[in-house]
Amino acid sequence: KDAEIQDLKARLDAIALAQKLAITEAVGTVEKERDELKNCLARAELEKQLAEKSLKDKYETQIKDRDDAIERLRDMKARLSTKMVGETLEQHCETEFNRIRATAFPRAYFEKDNDARTGSKGDYIFRDADEAGTEIVSIMFEMKNENDRTATKNRNEDFLRELDKDRTEKGCEYAVLVSLLEPDSELYNTGIVDVFHRFPKMYVVRPQFFLPIITLLRNAAMNSLKYKSELALVRAQNIDITKFETELESFKTAFARNYDLASGHFQRAIAEIDKSIDHLQKTKDALLGTDRNLRLANDKAQDVTIKKLTRGNPTMAAKFAELKNQEPADGG
């Protein structure tokens, strides 16, 4: 009997040892798979973070690019009505004209109006003539800057009557007010504005249109120079000039129409700038929306658990359950 008992004990020990080895092996397998899952999760998390960072950097760069583009467009638009830093308005206009005087207006006269014998004077007078000395065009300029009068805010309208008086007294054909007044006026910020309804042959422009208005009026006058020369000749010979004056008036009408067309193109260009700013702002908002979606995706990733990973895998689920039941027994 003792031998049988010893044999049974030996068998029981062998069975217990085999079970223990099986459990150890099963636990080892489960732990290995668990570690592999942890590593997979860690790699997935790292890849997600890297992808998220890369995408975020990309979108931040795009947003910055859009912001820069918006700022450039806004600055471009603002330049239509802002004062040139470090210069007075008169200095700016004189400097700009002198830069192109030799090439664009070699025979032109452009000087300060210092003749106050009639009681008033403008700022500058421009006159250009052909080789024969026949005057092509003459312009009386007045420059107005808001900083020149800090006590009250003036309007462009306040200076038109005096400018027209100066134009007439100094024998100039056109009058131009170069103005920084009313900086928020949509009318004056559109470009070259004719005020013929108030005074004949008068324009109001921002400083950046100082040279274009000279070029525009001078080139237009060049087209009528032939008529002016003929008028001078026939007047000297006491010939009827009705036909010539009619042709000259026809030209002036055509010029006014061309100006209206050019002004319309300029206003449409300003509208396109506003549309570009609006489009870029919408793109920026869309990119910010993508960032919110990334945060939602991150929240869902944080909800991943071992239980969810083993769902649909009964073998793994059983091994985890067996391991969980084994832990209290080992503790006992």
C-alpha atoms as a PDB file:
ATOM      1  CA  LYS A   1       0.000   0.000   0.000  1.00  0.00           C
ATOM      2  CA  ASP A   2       2.768   2.404   0.817  1.00  0.00           C
ATOM      3  CA  ALA A   3       4.169   1.762  -2.604  1.00  0.00           C
ATOM      4  CA  GLU A   4       0.790   2.469  -4.200  1.00  0.00           C
ATOM      5  CA  ILE A   5       0.405   5.622  -2.144  1.00  0.00           C
ATOM      6  CA  GLN A   6       3.835   6.762  -3.169  1.00  0.00           C
ATOM      7  CA  ASP A   7       3.019   5.955  -6.780  1.00  0.00           C
ATOM      8  CA  LEU A   8      -0.209   7.955  -6.600  1.00  0.00           C
ATOM      9  CA  LYS A   9       1.573  10.875  -4.968  1.00  0.00           C
ATOM     10  CA  ALA A  10       4.207  10.731  -7.674  1.00  0.00           C
ATOM     11  CA  ARG A  11       1.489  10.755 -10.323  1.00  0.00           C
ATOM     12  CA  LEU A  12      -0.294  13.638  -8.612  1.00  0.00           C
ATOM     13  CA  ASP A  13       2.951  15.560  -8.381  1.00  0.00           C
ATOM     14  CA  ALA A  14       3.625  14.867 -12.034  1.00  0.00           C
ATOM     15  CA  ILE A  15       0.104  16.003 -12.953  1.00  0.00           C
ATOM     16  CA  ALA A  16       0.471  19.116 -10.778  1.00  0.00           C
ATOM     17  CA  LEU A  17       3.841  19.826 -12.337  1.00  0.00           C
ATOM     18  CA  ALA A  18       2.422  19.339 -15.825  1.00  0.00           C
ATOM     19  CA  GLN A  19      -0.482  21.654 -15.012  1.00  0.00           C
ATOM     20  CA  LYS A  20       1.857  24.214 -13.582  1.00  0.00           C
ATOM     21  CA  LEU A  21       4.055  24.007 -16.658  1.00  0.00           C
ATOM     22  CA  ALA A  22       0.982  24.300 -18.890  1.00  0.00           C
ATOM     23  CA  ILE A  23      -0.255  27.302 -16.952  1.00  0.00           C
ATOM     24  CA  THR A  24       3.183  28.870 -17.028  1.00  0.00           C
ATOM     25  CA  GLU A  25       3.391  28.255 -20.752  1.00  0.00           C
ATOM     26  CA  ALA A  26      -0.112  29.635 -21.305  1.00  0.00           C
ATOM     27  CA  VAL A  27       0.619  32.654 -19.153  1.00  0.00           C
ATOM     28  CA  GLY A  28       3.879  33.191 -21.008  1.00  0.00           C
ATOM     29  CA  THR A  29       2.077  33.002 -24.338  1.00  0.00           C
ATOM     30  CA  VAL A  30      -0.608  35.407 -23.159  1.00  0.00           C
ATOM     31  CA  GLU A  31       1.966  37.780 -21.709  1.00  0.00           C
ATOM     32  CA  LYS A  32       3.923  37.651 -24.954  1.00  0.00           C
ATOM     33  CA  GLU A  33       0.804  38.414 -26.965  1.00  0.00           C
ATOM     34  CA  ARG A  34      -0.124  41.087 -24.452  1.00  0.00           C
ATOM     35  CA  ASP A  35       3.309  42.671 -24.804  1.00  0.00           C
ATOM     36  CA  GLU A  36       3.023  42.478 -28.578  1.00  0.00           C
ATOM     37  CA  LEU A  37      -0.354  44.205 -28.382  1.00  0.00           C
ATOM     38  CA  LYS A  38       1.111  46.848 -26.099  1.00  0.00           C
ATOM     39  CA  ASN A  39       3.959  47.379 -28.536  1.00  0.00           C
ATOM     40  CA  CYS A  40       1.487  47.598 -31.409  1.00  0.00           C
ATOM     41  CA  LEU A  41      -0.539  50.137 -29.475  1.00  0.00           C
ATOM     42  CA  ALA A  42       2.599  52.103 -28.635  1.00  0.00           C
ATOM     43  CA  ARG A  43       3.718  52.074 -32.265  1.00  0.00           C
ATOM     44  CA  ALA A  44       0.251  53.043 -33.440  1.00  0.00           C
ATOM     45  CA  GLU A  45       0.137  55.861 -30.901  1.00  0.00           C
ATOM     46  CA  LEU A  46       3.581  57.088 -31.961  1.00  0.00           C
ATOM     47  CA  GLU A  47       2.649  56.913 -35.642  1.00  0.00           C
ATOM     48  CA  LYS A  48      -0.590  58.738 -34.903  1.00  0.00           C
ATOM     49  CA  GLN A  49       1.264  61.447 -32.994  1.00  0.00           C
ATOM     50  CA  LEU A  50       3.830  61.825 -35.771  1.00  0.00           C
ATOM     51  CA  ALA A  51       1.133  61.953 -38.450  1.00  0.00           C
ATOM     52  CA  GLU A  52      -0.889  64.386 -36.361  1.00  0.00           C
ATOM     53  CA  LYS A  53       2.138  66.625 -35.811  1.00  0.00           C
ATOM     54  CA  SER A  54       3.061  66.505 -39.492  1.00  0.00           C
ATOM     55  CA  LEU A  55      -0.496  67.351 -40.518  1.00  0.00           C
ATOM     56  CA  LYS A  56      -0.735  70.081 -37.905  1.00  0.00           C
ATOM     57  CA  ASP A  57       2.566  71.608 -39.050  1.00  0.00           C
ATOM     58  CA  LYS A  58       1.366  71.444 -42.647  1.00  0.00           C
ATOM     59  CA  TYR A  59      -1.942  73.134 -41.857  1.00  0.00           C
ATOM     60  CA  GLU A  60      -0.268  75.739 -39.646  1.00  0.00           C
ATOM     61  CA  THR A  61       2.079  76.548 -42.524  1.00  0.00           C
ATOM     62  CA  GLN A  62      -0.855  76.806 -44.933  1.00  0.00           C
ATOM     63  CA  ILE A  63      -2.783  78.985 -42.488  1.00  0.00           C
ATOM     64  CA  LYS A  64       0.253  81.248 -42.082  1.00  0.00           C
ATOM     65  CA  ASP A  65       0.607  81.450 -45.860  1.00  0.00           C
ATOM     66  CA  ARG A  66      -3.067  82.417 -46.159  1.00  0.00           C
ATOM     67  CA  ASP A  67      -2.676  84.989 -43.376  1.00  0.00           C
ATOM     68  CA  ASP A  68       0.367  86.453 -45.123  1.00  0.00           C
ATOM     69  CA  ALA A  69      -1.494  86.575 -48.434  1.00  0.00           C
ATOM     70  CA  ILE A  70      -4.487  88.254 -46.785  1.00  0.00           C
ATOM     71  CA  GLU A  71      -2.196  90.785 -45.124  1.00  0.00           C
ATOM     72  CA  ARG A  72      -0.424  91.529 -48.410  1.00  0.00           C
ATOM     73  CA  LEU A  73      -3.744  92.136 -50.157  1.00  0.00           C
ATOM     74  CA  ARG A  74      -4.998  94.313 -47.323  1.00  0.00           C
ATOM     75  CA  ASP A  75      -1.764  96.285 -47.388  1.00  0.00           C
ATOM     76  CA  MET A  76      -2.050  96.681 -51.159  1.00  0.00           C
ATOM     77  CA  LYS A  77      -5.555  98.047 -50.756  1.00  0.00           C
ATOM     78  CA  ALA A  78      -4.553 100.289 -47.845  1.00  0.00           C
ATOM     79  CA  ARG A  79      -1.814 101.865 -49.946  1.00  0.00           C
ATOM     80  CA  LEU A  80      -4.545 103.403 -52.075  1.00  0.00           C
ATOM     81  CA  SER A  81      -5.217 105.890 -49.280  1.00  0.00           C
ATOM     82  CA  THR A  82      -2.201 106.086 -46.935  1.00  0.00           C
ATOM     83  CA  LYS A  83       0.502 108.722 -46.612  1.00  0.00           C
ATOM     84  CA  MET A  84       4.004 107.887 -47.807  1.00  0.00           C
ATOM     85  CA  VAL A  85       6.073 107.517 -44.632  1.00  0.00           C
ATOM     86  CA  GLY A  86       8.795 110.073 -44.027  1.00  0.00           C
ATOM     87  CA  GLU A  87       7.750 112.447 -46.811  1.00  0.00           C
ATOM     88  CA  THR A  88       5.415 115.376 -47.095  1.00  0.00           C
ATOM     89  CA  LEU A  89       2.887 115.125 -49.883  1.00  0.00           C
ATOM     90  CA  GLU A  90       4.463 117.917 -51.920  1.00  0.00           C
ATOM     91  CA  GLN A  91       7.953 116.431 -51.565  1.00  0.00           C
ATOM     92  CA  HIS A  92       6.648 113.054 -52.617  1.00  0.00           C
ATOM     93  CA  CYS A  93       4.979 114.386 -55.770  1.00  0.00           C
ATOM     94  CA  GLU A  94       7.973 116.524 -56.744  1.00  0.00           C
ATOM     95  CA  THR A  95      10.379 113.613 -56.202  1.00  0.00           C
ATOM     96  CA  GLU A  96       8.211 111.243 -58.225  1.00  0.00           C
ATOM     97  CA  PHE A  97       7.975 113.700 -61.112  1.00  0.00           C
ATOM     98  CA  ASN A  98      11.718 114.454 -61.156  1.00  0.00           C
ATOM     99  CA  ARG A  99      12.481 110.734 -61.371  1.00  0.00           C
ATOM    100  CA  ILE A 100      10.881 110.528 -64.806  1.00  0.00           C
ATOM    101  CA  ARG A 101      11.198 114.135 -65.982  1.00  0.00           C
ATOM    102  CA  ALA A 102      14.199 113.546 -68.275  1.00  0.00           C
ATOM    103  CA  THR A 103      12.716 110.538 -70.045  1.00  0.00           C
ATOM    104  CA  ALA A 104       8.960 111.180 -70.022  1.00  0.00           C
ATOM    105  CA  PHE A 105       8.674 114.997 -70.015  1.00  0.00           C
ATOM    106  CA  PRO A 106      11.965 116.474 -71.289  1.00  0.00           C
ATOM    107  CA  ARG A 107      10.401 119.816 -72.314  1.00  0.00           C
ATOM    108  CA  ALA A 108       7.914 120.089 -69.451  1.00  0.00           C
ATOM    109  CA  TYR A 109       7.703 122.877 -66.870  1.00  0.00           C
ATOM    110  CA  PHE A 110       6.856 121.677 -63.353  1.00  0.00           C
ATOM    111  CA  GLU A 111       7.490 124.182 -60.585  1.00  0.00           C
ATOM    112  CA  LYS A 112       5.983 125.634 -57.428  1.00  0.00           C
ATOM    113  CA  ASP A 113       3.369 128.311 -58.037  1.00  0.00           C
ATOM    114  CA  ASN A 114       4.970 131.303 -56.322  1.00  0.00           C
ATOM    115  CA  ASP A 115       2.899 133.981 -58.060  1.00  0.00           C
ATOM    116  CA  ALA A 116       0.458 135.359 -55.474  1.00  0.00           C
ATOM    117  CA  ARG A 117      -0.235 138.669 -57.236  1.00  0.00           C
ATOM    118  CA  THR A 118      -3.868 137.707 -57.781  1.00  0.00           C
ATOM    119  CA  GLY A 119      -4.335 137.023 -54.075  1.00  0.00           C
ATOM    120  CA  SER A 120      -3.971 133.248 -54.133  1.00  0.00           C
ATOM    121  CA  LYS A 121      -1.800 130.536 -55.606  1.00  0.00           C
ATOM    122  CA  GLY A 122      -1.810 126.801 -56.074  1.00  0.00           C
ATOM    123  CA  ASP A 123       0.980 124.402 -55.167  1.00  0.00           C
ATOM    124  CA  TYR A 124       2.450 123.376 -58.536  1.00  0.00           C
ATOM    125  CA  ILE A 125       1.963 124.178 -62.207  1.00  0.00           C
ATOM    126  CA  PHE A 126       2.675 121.669 -64.974  1.00  0.00           C
ATOM    127  CA  ARG A 127       3.040 122.787 -68.587  1.00  0.00           C
ATOM    128  CA  ASP A 128       4.244 120.797 -71.584  1.00  0.00           C
ATOM    129  CA  ALA A 129       4.855 122.007 -75.140  1.00  0.00           C
ATOM    130  CA  ASP A 130       5.993 120.559 -78.446  1.00  0.00           C
ATOM    131  CA  GLU A 131       9.218 121.429 -80.259  1.00  0.00           C
ATOM    132  CA  ALA A 132       7.555 124.417 -81.904  1.00  0.00           C
ATOM    133  CA  GLY A 133       6.549 125.803 -78.529  1.00  0.00           C
ATOM    134  CA  THR A 134       2.840 125.067 -78.916  1.00  0.00           C
ATOM    135  CA  GLU A 135       1.405 124.198 -75.519  1.00  0.00           C
ATOM    136  CA  ILE A 136       0.232 120.603 -75.281  1.00  0.00           C
ATOM    137  CA  VAL A 137      -1.371 120.668 -71.843  1.00  0.00           C
ATOM    138  CA  SER A 138      -1.264 122.674 -68.606  1.00  0.00           C
ATOM    139  CA  ILE A 139      -2.344 121.557 -65.129  1.00  0.00           C
ATOM    140  CA  MET A 140      -2.744 123.424 -61.839  1.00  0.00           C
ATOM    141  CA  PHE A 141      -2.012 121.134 -58.865  1.00  0.00           C
ATOM    142  CA  GLU A 142      -3.069 121.476 -55.246  1.00  0.00           C
ATOM    143  CA  MET A 143      -1.785 118.985 -52.615  1.00  0.00           C
ATOM    144  CA  LYS A 144      -3.765 118.394 -49.432  1.00  0.00           C
ATOM    145  CA  ASN A 145      -2.732 116.254 -46.471  1.00  0.00           C
ATOM    146  CA  GLU A 146      -4.894 115.794 -43.364  1.00  0.00           C
ATOM    147  CA  ASN A 147      -1.845 116.468 -41.183  1.00  0.00           C
ATOM    148  CA  ASP A 148      -1.648 119.949 -42.652  1.00  0.00           C
ATOM    149  CA  ARG A 149      -4.801 120.877 -40.736  1.00  0.00           C
ATOM    150  CA  THR A 150      -5.112 119.047 -37.458  1.00  0.00           C
ATOM    151  CA  ALA A 151      -7.831 121.188 -35.886  1.00  0.00           C
ATOM    152  CA  THR A 152     -10.659 119.973 -38.104  1.00  0.00           C
ATOM    153  CA  LYS A 153     -11.244 117.185 -40.594  1.00  0.00           C
ATOM    154  CA  ASN A 154     -11.560 118.751 -44.033  1.00  0.00           C
ATOM    155  CA  ARG A 155     -13.275 117.413 -47.117  1.00  0.00           C
ATOM    156  CA  ASN A 156     -11.960 117.495 -50.658  1.00  0.00           C
ATOM    157  CA  GLU A 157     -15.008 119.556 -51.570  1.00  0.00           C
ATOM    158  CA  ASP A 158     -13.714 122.394 -49.366  1.00  0.00           C
ATOM    159  CA  PHE A 159     -10.800 123.135 -51.725  1.00  0.00           C
ATOM    160  CA  LEU A 160     -12.321 122.760 -55.186  1.00  0.00           C
ATOM    161  CA  ARG A 161     -13.608 126.321 -55.636  1.00  0.00           C
ATOM    162  CA  GLU A 162     -10.249 127.913 -54.772  1.00  0.00           C
ATOM    163  CA  LEU A 163      -8.445 125.433 -57.020  1.00  0.00           C
ATOM    164  CA  ASP A 164     -10.720 126.317 -59.942  1.00  0.00           C
ATOM    165  CA  LYS A 165     -10.023 130.017 -59.305  1.00  0.00           C
ATOM    166  CA  ASP A 166      -6.251 129.367 -59.347  1.00  0.00           C
ATOM    167  CA  ARG A 167      -6.564 127.343 -62.565  1.00  0.00           C
ATOM    168  CA  THR A 168      -8.403 130.159 -64.311  1.00  0.00           C
ATOM    169  CA  GLU A 169      -6.141 132.957 -63.070  1.00  0.00           C
ATOM    170  CA  LYS A 170      -2.950 131.110 -64.028  1.00  0.00           C
ATOM    171  CA  GLY A 171      -4.286 130.111 -67.441  1.00  0.00           C
ATOM    172  CA  CYS A 172      -4.177 126.336 -66.896  1.00  0.00           C
ATOM    173  CA  GLU A 173      -6.397 123.961 -68.856  1.00  0.00           C
ATOM    174  CA  TYR A 174      -6.886 121.375 -66.091  1.00  0.00           C
ATOM    175  CA  ALA A 175      -6.928 121.357 -62.287  1.00  0.00           C
ATOM    176  CA  VAL A 176      -5.988 118.376 -60.123  1.00  0.00           C
ATOM    177  CA  LEU A 177      -6.350 118.035 -56.350  1.00  0.00           C
ATOM    178  CA  VAL A 178      -3.848 115.466 -55.016  1.00  0.00           C
ATOM    179  CA  SER A 179      -5.413 114.573 -51.697  1.00  0.00           C
ATOM    180  CA  LEU A 180      -5.082 112.390 -48.608  1.00  0.00           C
ATOM    181  CA  LEU A 181      -8.284 113.838 -47.135  1.00  0.00           C
ATOM    182  CA  GLU A 182     -11.291 111.594 -46.451  1.00  0.00           C
ATOM    183  CA  PRO A 183      -9.108 108.445 -46.235  1.00  0.00           C
ATOM    184  CA  ASP A 184     -12.138 106.171 -45.783  1.00  0.00           C
ATOM    185  CA  SER A 185     -14.038 107.458 -48.815  1.00  0.00           C
ATOM    186  CA  GLU A 186     -14.813 104.645 -51.256  1.00  0.00           C
ATOM    187  CA  LEU A 187     -15.272 107.226 -54.005  1.00  0.00           C
ATOM    188  CA  TYR A 188     -11.829 108.799 -53.737  1.00  0.00           C
ATOM    189  CA  ASN A 189     -10.083 105.498 -52.978  1.00  0.00           C
ATOM    190  CA  THR A 190     -11.185 104.017 -56.306  1.00  0.00           C
ATOM    191  CA  GLY A 191      -8.623 106.015 -58.286  1.00  0.00           C
ATOM    192  CA  ILE A 192      -8.994 109.039 -60.558  1.00  0.00           C
ATOM    193  CA  VAL A 193     -12.237 110.912 -59.813  1.00  0.00           C
ATOM    194  CA  ASP A 194     -13.540 113.640 -62.095  1.00  0.00           C
ATOM    195  CA  VAL A 195     -15.556 116.392 -60.428  1.00  0.00           C
ATOM    196  CA  PHE A 196     -16.752 118.008 -63.652  1.00  0.00           C
ATOM    197  CA  HIS A 197     -20.242 118.280 -62.156  1.00  0.00           C
ATOM    198  CA  ARG A 198     -18.796 120.846 -59.715  1.00  0.00           C
ATOM    199  CA  PHE A 199     -16.028 122.519 -61.725  1.00  0.00           C
ATOM    200  CA  PRO A 200     -14.877 122.039 -65.330  1.00  0.00           C
ATOM    201  CA  LYS A 201     -11.755 120.039 -66.159  1.00  0.00           C
ATOM    202  CA  MET A 202     -11.041 119.119 -62.547  1.00  0.00           C
ATOM    203  CA  TYR A 203      -9.928 115.819 -61.001  1.00  0.00           C
ATOM    204  CA  VAL A 204      -9.291 114.508 -57.483  1.00  0.00           C
ATOM    205  CA  VAL A 205      -6.655 111.776 -57.126  1.00  0.00           C
ATOM    206  CA  ARG A 206      -4.715 109.922 -54.431  1.00  0.00           C
ATOM    207  CA  PRO A 207      -0.903 110.434 -54.462  1.00  0.00           C
ATOM    208  CA  GLN A 208      -0.193 107.156 -56.250  1.00  0.00           C
ATOM    209  CA  PHE A 209      -2.194 108.475 -59.237  1.00  0.00           C
ATOM    210  CA  PHE A 210      -0.240 111.744 -59.457  1.00  0.00           C
ATOM    211  CA  LEU A 211       1.967 110.569 -62.341  1.00  0.00           C
ATOM    212  CA  PRO A 212      -0.779 108.564 -64.109  1.00  0.00           C
ATOM    213  CA  ILE A 213      -3.100 111.602 -64.294  1.00  0.00           C
ATOM    214  CA  ILE A 214      -0.305 113.738 -65.810  1.00  0.00           C
ATOM    215  CA  THR A 215       0.466 111.013 -68.341  1.00  0.00           C
ATOM    216  CA  LEU A 216      -3.215 110.480 -69.129  1.00  0.00           C
ATOM    217  CA  LEU A 217      -3.993 114.168 -69.713  1.00  0.00           C
ATOM    218  CA  ARG A 218      -0.757 114.807 -71.602  1.00  0.00           C
ATOM    219  CA  ASN A 219      -1.191 111.792 -73.923  1.00  0.00           C
ATOM    220  CA  ALA A 220      -4.804 112.737 -74.562  1.00  0.00           C
ATOM    221  CA  ALA A 221      -3.740 116.294 -75.373  1.00  0.00           C
ATOM    222  CA  MET A 222      -1.062 114.993 -77.755  1.00  0.00           C
ATOM    223  CA  ASN A 223      -3.847 113.497 -79.861  1.00  0.00           C
ATOM    224  CA  SER A 224      -5.468 116.917 -80.165  1.00  0.00           C
ATOM    225  CA  LEU A 225      -2.195 118.800 -80.670  1.00  0.00           C
ATOM    226  CA  LYS A 226      -2.687 118.745 -84.440  1.00  0.00           C
ATOM    227  CA  TYR A 227      -6.032 120.484 -84.012  1.00  0.00           C
ATOM    228  CA  LYS A 228      -4.546 123.029 -81.632  1.00  0.00           C
ATOM    229  CA  SER A 229      -1.791 123.866 -84.120  1.00  0.00           C
ATOM    230  CA  GLU A 230      -4.322 124.243 -86.922  1.00  0.00           C
ATOM    231  CA  LEU A 231      -6.532 126.383 -84.701  1.00  0.00           C
ATOM    232  CA  ALA A 232      -3.632 128.688 -83.932  1.00  0.00           C
ATOM    233  CA  LEU A 233      -2.890 128.992 -87.649  1.00  0.00           C
ATOM    234  CA  VAL A 234      -6.425 129.683 -88.820  1.00  0.00           C
ATOM    235  CA  ARG A 235      -7.057 132.135 -86.005  1.00  0.00           C
ATOM    236  CA  ALA A 236      -3.987 134.053 -87.145  1.00  0.00           C
ATOM    237  CA  GLN A 237      -5.409 134.085 -90.668  1.00  0.00           C
ATOM    238  CA  ASN A 238      -8.928 135.030 -89.510  1.00  0.00           C
ATOM    239  CA  ILE A 239     -10.366 131.797 -90.974  1.00  0.00           C
ATOM    240  CA  ASP A 240     -13.612 130.228 -89.761  1.00  0.00           C
ATOM    241  CA  ILE A 241     -12.638 127.766 -87.012  1.00  0.00           C
ATOM    242  CA  THR A 242     -16.020 126.179 -86.356  1.00  0.00           C
ATOM    243  CA  LYS A 243     -15.027 122.824 -87.863  1.00  0.00           C
ATOM    244  CA  PHE A 244     -11.814 122.602 -85.878  1.00  0.00           C
ATOM    245  CA  GLU A 245     -13.528 123.459 -82.603  1.00  0.00           C
ATOM    246  CA  THR A 246     -16.182 120.800 -83.300  1.00  0.00           C
ATOM    247  CA  GLU A 247     -13.493 118.163 -83.891  1.00  0.00           C
ATOM    248  CA  LEU A 248     -11.715 119.209 -80.722  1.00  0.00           C
ATOM    249  CA  GLU A 249     -14.914 118.880 -78.689  1.00  0.00           C
ATOM    250  CA  SER A 250     -15.523 115.430 -80.244  1.00  0.00           C
ATOM    251  CA  PHE A 251     -12.098 114.353 -79.078  1.00  0.00           C
ATOM    252  CA  LYS A 252     -12.767 115.631 -75.559  1.00  0.00           C
ATOM    253  CA  THR A 253     -16.017 113.636 -75.459  1.00  0.00           C
ATOM    254  CA  ALA A 254     -14.167 110.481 -76.573  1.00  0.00           C
ATOM    255  CA  PHE A 255     -11.498 111.078 -73.940  1.00  0.00           C
ATOM    256  CA  ALA A 256     -14.133 111.382 -71.195  1.00  0.00           C
ATOM    257  CA  ARG A 257     -15.627 108.057 -72.305  1.00  0.00           C
ATOM    258  CA  ASN A 258     -12.198 106.355 -72.228  1.00  0.00           C
ATOM    259  CA  TYR A 259     -11.628 107.693 -68.732  1.00  0.00           C
ATOM    260  CA  ASP A 260     -14.959 106.248 -67.557  1.00  0.00           C
ATOM    261  CA  LEU A 261     -13.963 102.837 -68.950  1.00  0.00           C
ATOM    262  CA  ALA A 262     -10.550 102.976 -67.236  1.00  0.00           C
ATOM    263  CA  SER A 263     -12.170 103.990 -63.953  1.00  0.00           C
ATOM    264  CA  GLY A 264     -14.545 101.022 -64.201  1.00  0.00           C
ATOM    265  CA  HIS A 265     -11.622  98.613 -64.696  1.00  0.00           C
ATOM    266  CA  PHE A 266      -9.927 100.016 -61.608  1.00  0.00           C
ATOM    267  CA  GLN A 267     -13.029  99.598 -59.449  1.00  0.00           C
ATOM    268  CA  ARG A 268     -13.399  95.989 -60.620  1.00  0.00           C
ATOM    269  CA  ALA A 269      -9.764  95.339 -59.663  1.00  0.00           C
ATOM    270  CA  ILE A 270     -10.481  96.563 -56.118  1.00  0.00           C
ATOM    271  CA  ALA A 271     -13.519  94.239 -55.983  1.00  0.00           C
ATOM    272  CA  GLU A 272     -11.327  91.288 -57.038  1.00  0.00           C
ATOM    273  CA  ILE A 273      -8.884  92.089 -54.208  1.00  0.00           C
ATOM    274  CA  ASP A 274     -11.807  91.972 -51.732  1.00  0.00           C
ATOM    275  CA  LYS A 275     -12.946  88.619 -53.192  1.00  0.00           C
ATOM    276  CA  SER A 276      -9.423  87.191 -52.821  1.00  0.00           C
ATOM    277  CA  ILE A 277      -9.314  88.247 -49.164  1.00  0.00           C
ATOM    278  CA  ASP A 278     -12.708  86.576 -48.553  1.00  0.00           C
ATOM    279  CA  HIS A 279     -11.615  83.343 -50.323  1.00  0.00           C
ATOM    280  CA  LEU A 280      -8.396  83.086 -48.324  1.00  0.00           C
ATOM    281  CA  GLN A 281     -10.297  83.687 -45.073  1.00  0.00           C
ATOM    282  CA  LYS A 282     -12.657  80.792 -45.923  1.00  0.00           C
ATOM    283  CA  THR A 283      -9.657  78.529 -46.668  1.00  0.00           C
ATOM    284  CA  LYS A 284      -8.172  79.409 -43.287  1.00  0.00           C
ATOM    285  CA  ASP A 285     -11.482  78.542 -41.538  1.00  0.00           C
ATOM    286  CA  ALA A 286     -11.582  75.157 -43.359  1.00  0.00           C
ATOM    287  CA  LEU A 287      -8.060  74.317 -42.179  1.00  0.00           C
ATOM    288  CA  LEU A 288      -8.998  75.183 -38.598  1.00  0.00           C
ATOM    289  CA  GLY A 289     -11.990  72.816 -38.953  1.00  0.00           C
ATOM    290  CA  THR A 290      -9.622  69.993 -39.962  1.00  0.00           C
ATOM    291  CA  ASP A 291      -7.667  70.565 -36.753  1.00  0.00           C
ATOM    292  CA  ARG A 292     -10.872  70.028 -34.745  1.00  0.00           C
ATOM    293  CA  ASN A 293     -11.490  66.722 -36.571  1.00  0.00           C
ATOM    294  CA  LEU A 294      -7.980  65.583 -35.641  1.00  0.00           C
ATOM    295  CA  ARG A 295      -8.742  66.201 -31.977  1.00  0.00           C
ATOM    296  CA  LEU A 296     -11.911  64.081 -32.261  1.00  0.00           C
ATOM    297  CA  ALA A 297      -9.908  61.264 -33.881  1.00  0.00           C
ATOM    298  CA  ASN A 298      -7.403  61.454 -31.030  1.00  0.00           C
ATOM    299  CA  ASP A 299     -10.190  61.150 -28.427  1.00  0.00           C
ATOM    300  CA  LYS A 300     -11.469  57.986 -30.135  1.00  0.00           C
ATOM    301  CA  ALA A 301      -7.974  56.474 -30.213  1.00  0.00           C
ATOM    302  CA  GLN A 302      -7.657  57.000 -26.462  1.00  0.00           C
ATOM    303  CA  ASP A 303     -10.745  54.779 -25.964  1.00  0.00           C
ATOM    304  CA  VAL A 304      -8.996  51.632 -27.313  1.00  0.00           C
ATOM    305  CA  THR A 305      -8.732  48.811 -24.646  1.00  0.00           C
ATOM    306  CA  ILE A 306      -7.497  45.179 -24.483  1.00  0.00           C
ATOM    307  CA  LYS A 307     -11.110  44.087 -24.252  1.00  0.00           C
ATOM    308  CA  LYS A 308     -11.973  45.788 -27.524  1.00  0.00           C
ATOM    309  CA  LEU A 309      -8.846  44.446 -29.211  1.00  0.00           C
ATOM    310  CA  THR A 310      -9.716  40.770 -28.272  1.00  0.00           C
ATOM    311  CA  ARG A 311     -13.377  41.079 -29.218  1.00  0.00           C
ATOM    312  CA  GLY A 312     -14.206  38.385 -31.783  1.00  0.00           C
ATOM    313  CA  ASN A 313     -11.144  36.306 -30.780  1.00  0.00           C
ATOM    314  CA  PRO A 314     -12.464  33.629 -28.334  1.00  0.00           C
ATOM    315  CA  THR A 315      -9.062  31.999 -27.856  1.00  0.00           C
ATOM    316  CA  MET A 316      -7.433  35.196 -26.657  1.00  0.00           C
ATOM    317  CA  ALA A 317     -10.467  36.103 -24.584  1.00  0.00           C
ATOM    318  CA  ALA A 318     -10.391  32.680 -22.881  1.00  0.00           C
ATOM    319  CA  LYS A 319      -6.702  32.966 -22.112  1.00  0.00           C
ATOM    320  CA  PHE A 320      -7.136  36.382 -20.550  1.00  0.00           C
ATOM    321  CA  ALA A 321     -10.076  35.073 -18.505  1.00  0.00           C
ATOM    322  CA  GLU A 322      -8.055  32.041 -17.377  1.00  0.00           C
ATOM    323  CA  LEU A 323      -5.155  34.289 -16.421  1.00  0.00           C
ATOM    324  CA  LYS A 324      -7.486  36.540 -14.450  1.00  0.00           C
ATOM    325  CA  ASN A 325      -8.964  33.541 -12.541  1.00  0.00           C
ATOM    326  CA  GLN A 326      -5.516  32.125 -11.868  1.00  0.00           C
ATOM    327  CA  GLU A 327      -4.246  35.264 -10.134  1.00  0.00           C
ATOM    328  CA  PRO A 328      -6.436  34.841  -6.939  1.00  0.00           C
ATOM    329  CA  ALA A 329      -5.398  31.154  -6.700  1.00  0.00           C
ATOM    330  CA  ASP A 330      -1.706  32.071  -6.797  1.00  0.00           C
ATOM    331  CA  GLY A 331      -2.352  34.616  -4.089  1.00  0.00           C
ATOM    332  CA  GLY A 332      -3.918  31.893  -1.876  1.00  0.00           C
END
